[in-house]
């Protein structure tokens, strides 16, 4: 069970760092987000998802439309 949580948080950390790169964050901020993903896991993904939606909304992209 403990190994599954570690793998889950590691996956969240990698995805969080990738999303931070897509959002144009600095390298220092990307590392902080990577560490946050290791510790907080899915919570960090939720925060970055909100950032992605807000960015899409500001640019008028289709990902920001509420169904």
Protein backbone atom coordinates (compact mmCIF):
# COMPACT_ATOMS: atom_id res chain seq x y z
CA UNK A 1 0.00 0.00 0.00
CA UNK A 2 2.78 2.41 0.93
CA UNK A 3 4.54 1.76 -2.39
CA UNK A 4 1.38 2.69 -4.29
CA UNK A 5 1.23 6.06 -2.54
CA UNK A 6 4.89 6.73 -3.36
CA UNK A 7 4.36 5.86 -7.02
CA UNK A 8 1.22 8.00 -7.12
CA UNK A 9 2.98 11.03 -5.65
CA UNK A 10 5.95 10.54 -7.97
CA UNK A 11 3.58 10.50 -10.96
CA UNK A 12 1.85 13.63 -9.66
CA UNK A 13 5.22 15.35 -9.23
CA UNK A 14 6.27 14.60 -12.81
CA UNK A 15 2.97 15.78 -14.27
CA UNK A 16 3.06 18.88 -12.07
CA UNK A 17 6.54 19.78 -13.29
CA UNK A 18 5.42 19.30 -16.91
CA UNK A 19 2.37 21.52 -16.43
CA UNK A 20 4.54 24.15 -14.75
CA UNK A 21 6.78 24.07 -17.81
CA UNK A 22 3.75 24.49 -20.09
CA UNK A 23 2.57 27.44 -17.99
CA UNK A 24 5.92 29.17 -18.44
CA UNK A 25 7.01 29.16 -14.79
CA UNK A 26 10.66 29.77 -13.98
CA UNK A 27 12.96 26.82 -13.27
CA UNK A 28 13.06 27.60 -9.56
CA UNK A 29 9.26 27.61 -9.42
CA UNK A 30 9.15 24.37 -11.42
CA UNK A 31 11.42 22.70 -8.88
CA UNK A 32 9.25 23.97 -6.02
CA UNK A 33 6.18 22.58 -7.78
CA UNK A 34 7.98 19.26 -8.35
CA UNK A 35 8.75 19.01 -4.63
CA UNK A 36 5.19 20.05 -3.81
CA UNK A 37 3.92 17.30 -6.09
CA UNK A 38 6.07 14.76 -4.26
CA UNK A 39 4.66 15.84 -0.93
CA UNK A 40 1.09 16.87 -1.71
CA UNK A 41 0.42 14.72 -4.78
CA UNK A 42 -3.04 15.28 -6.31
CA UNK A 43 -3.58 18.58 -4.50
CA UNK A 44 -0.74 20.13 -6.51
CA UNK A 45 -2.31 18.82 -9.72
CA UNK A 46 -5.59 20.49 -8.79
CA UNK A 47 -3.87 23.84 -8.21
CA UNK A 48 -2.03 23.65 -11.54
CA UNK A 49 -5.22 22.56 -13.34
CA UNK A 50 -6.90 25.74 -12.12
CA UNK A 51 -3.92 27.76 -13.41
CA UNK A 52 -4.23 26.03 -16.81
CA UNK A 53 -7.95 26.79 -17.00
CA UNK A 54 -7.37 30.44 -16.07
CA UNK A 55 -4.64 30.72 -18.73
CA UNK A 56 -6.93 29.20 -21.37
CA UNK A 57 -9.74 31.53 -20.30
CA UNK A 58 -7.46 34.56 -20.64
CA UNK A 59 -6.39 33.51 -24.14
CA UNK A 60 -9.93 32.58 -25.23
CA UNK A 61 -9.03 28.96 -25.91
CA UNK A 62 -11.74 26.27 -26.06
CA UNK A 63 -10.46 24.53 -22.89
CA UNK A 64 -11.91 27.32 -20.79
CA UNK A 65 -15.53 26.87 -21.86
CA UNK A 66 -17.82 25.58 -19.13
CA UNK A 67 -20.20 22.90 -20.33
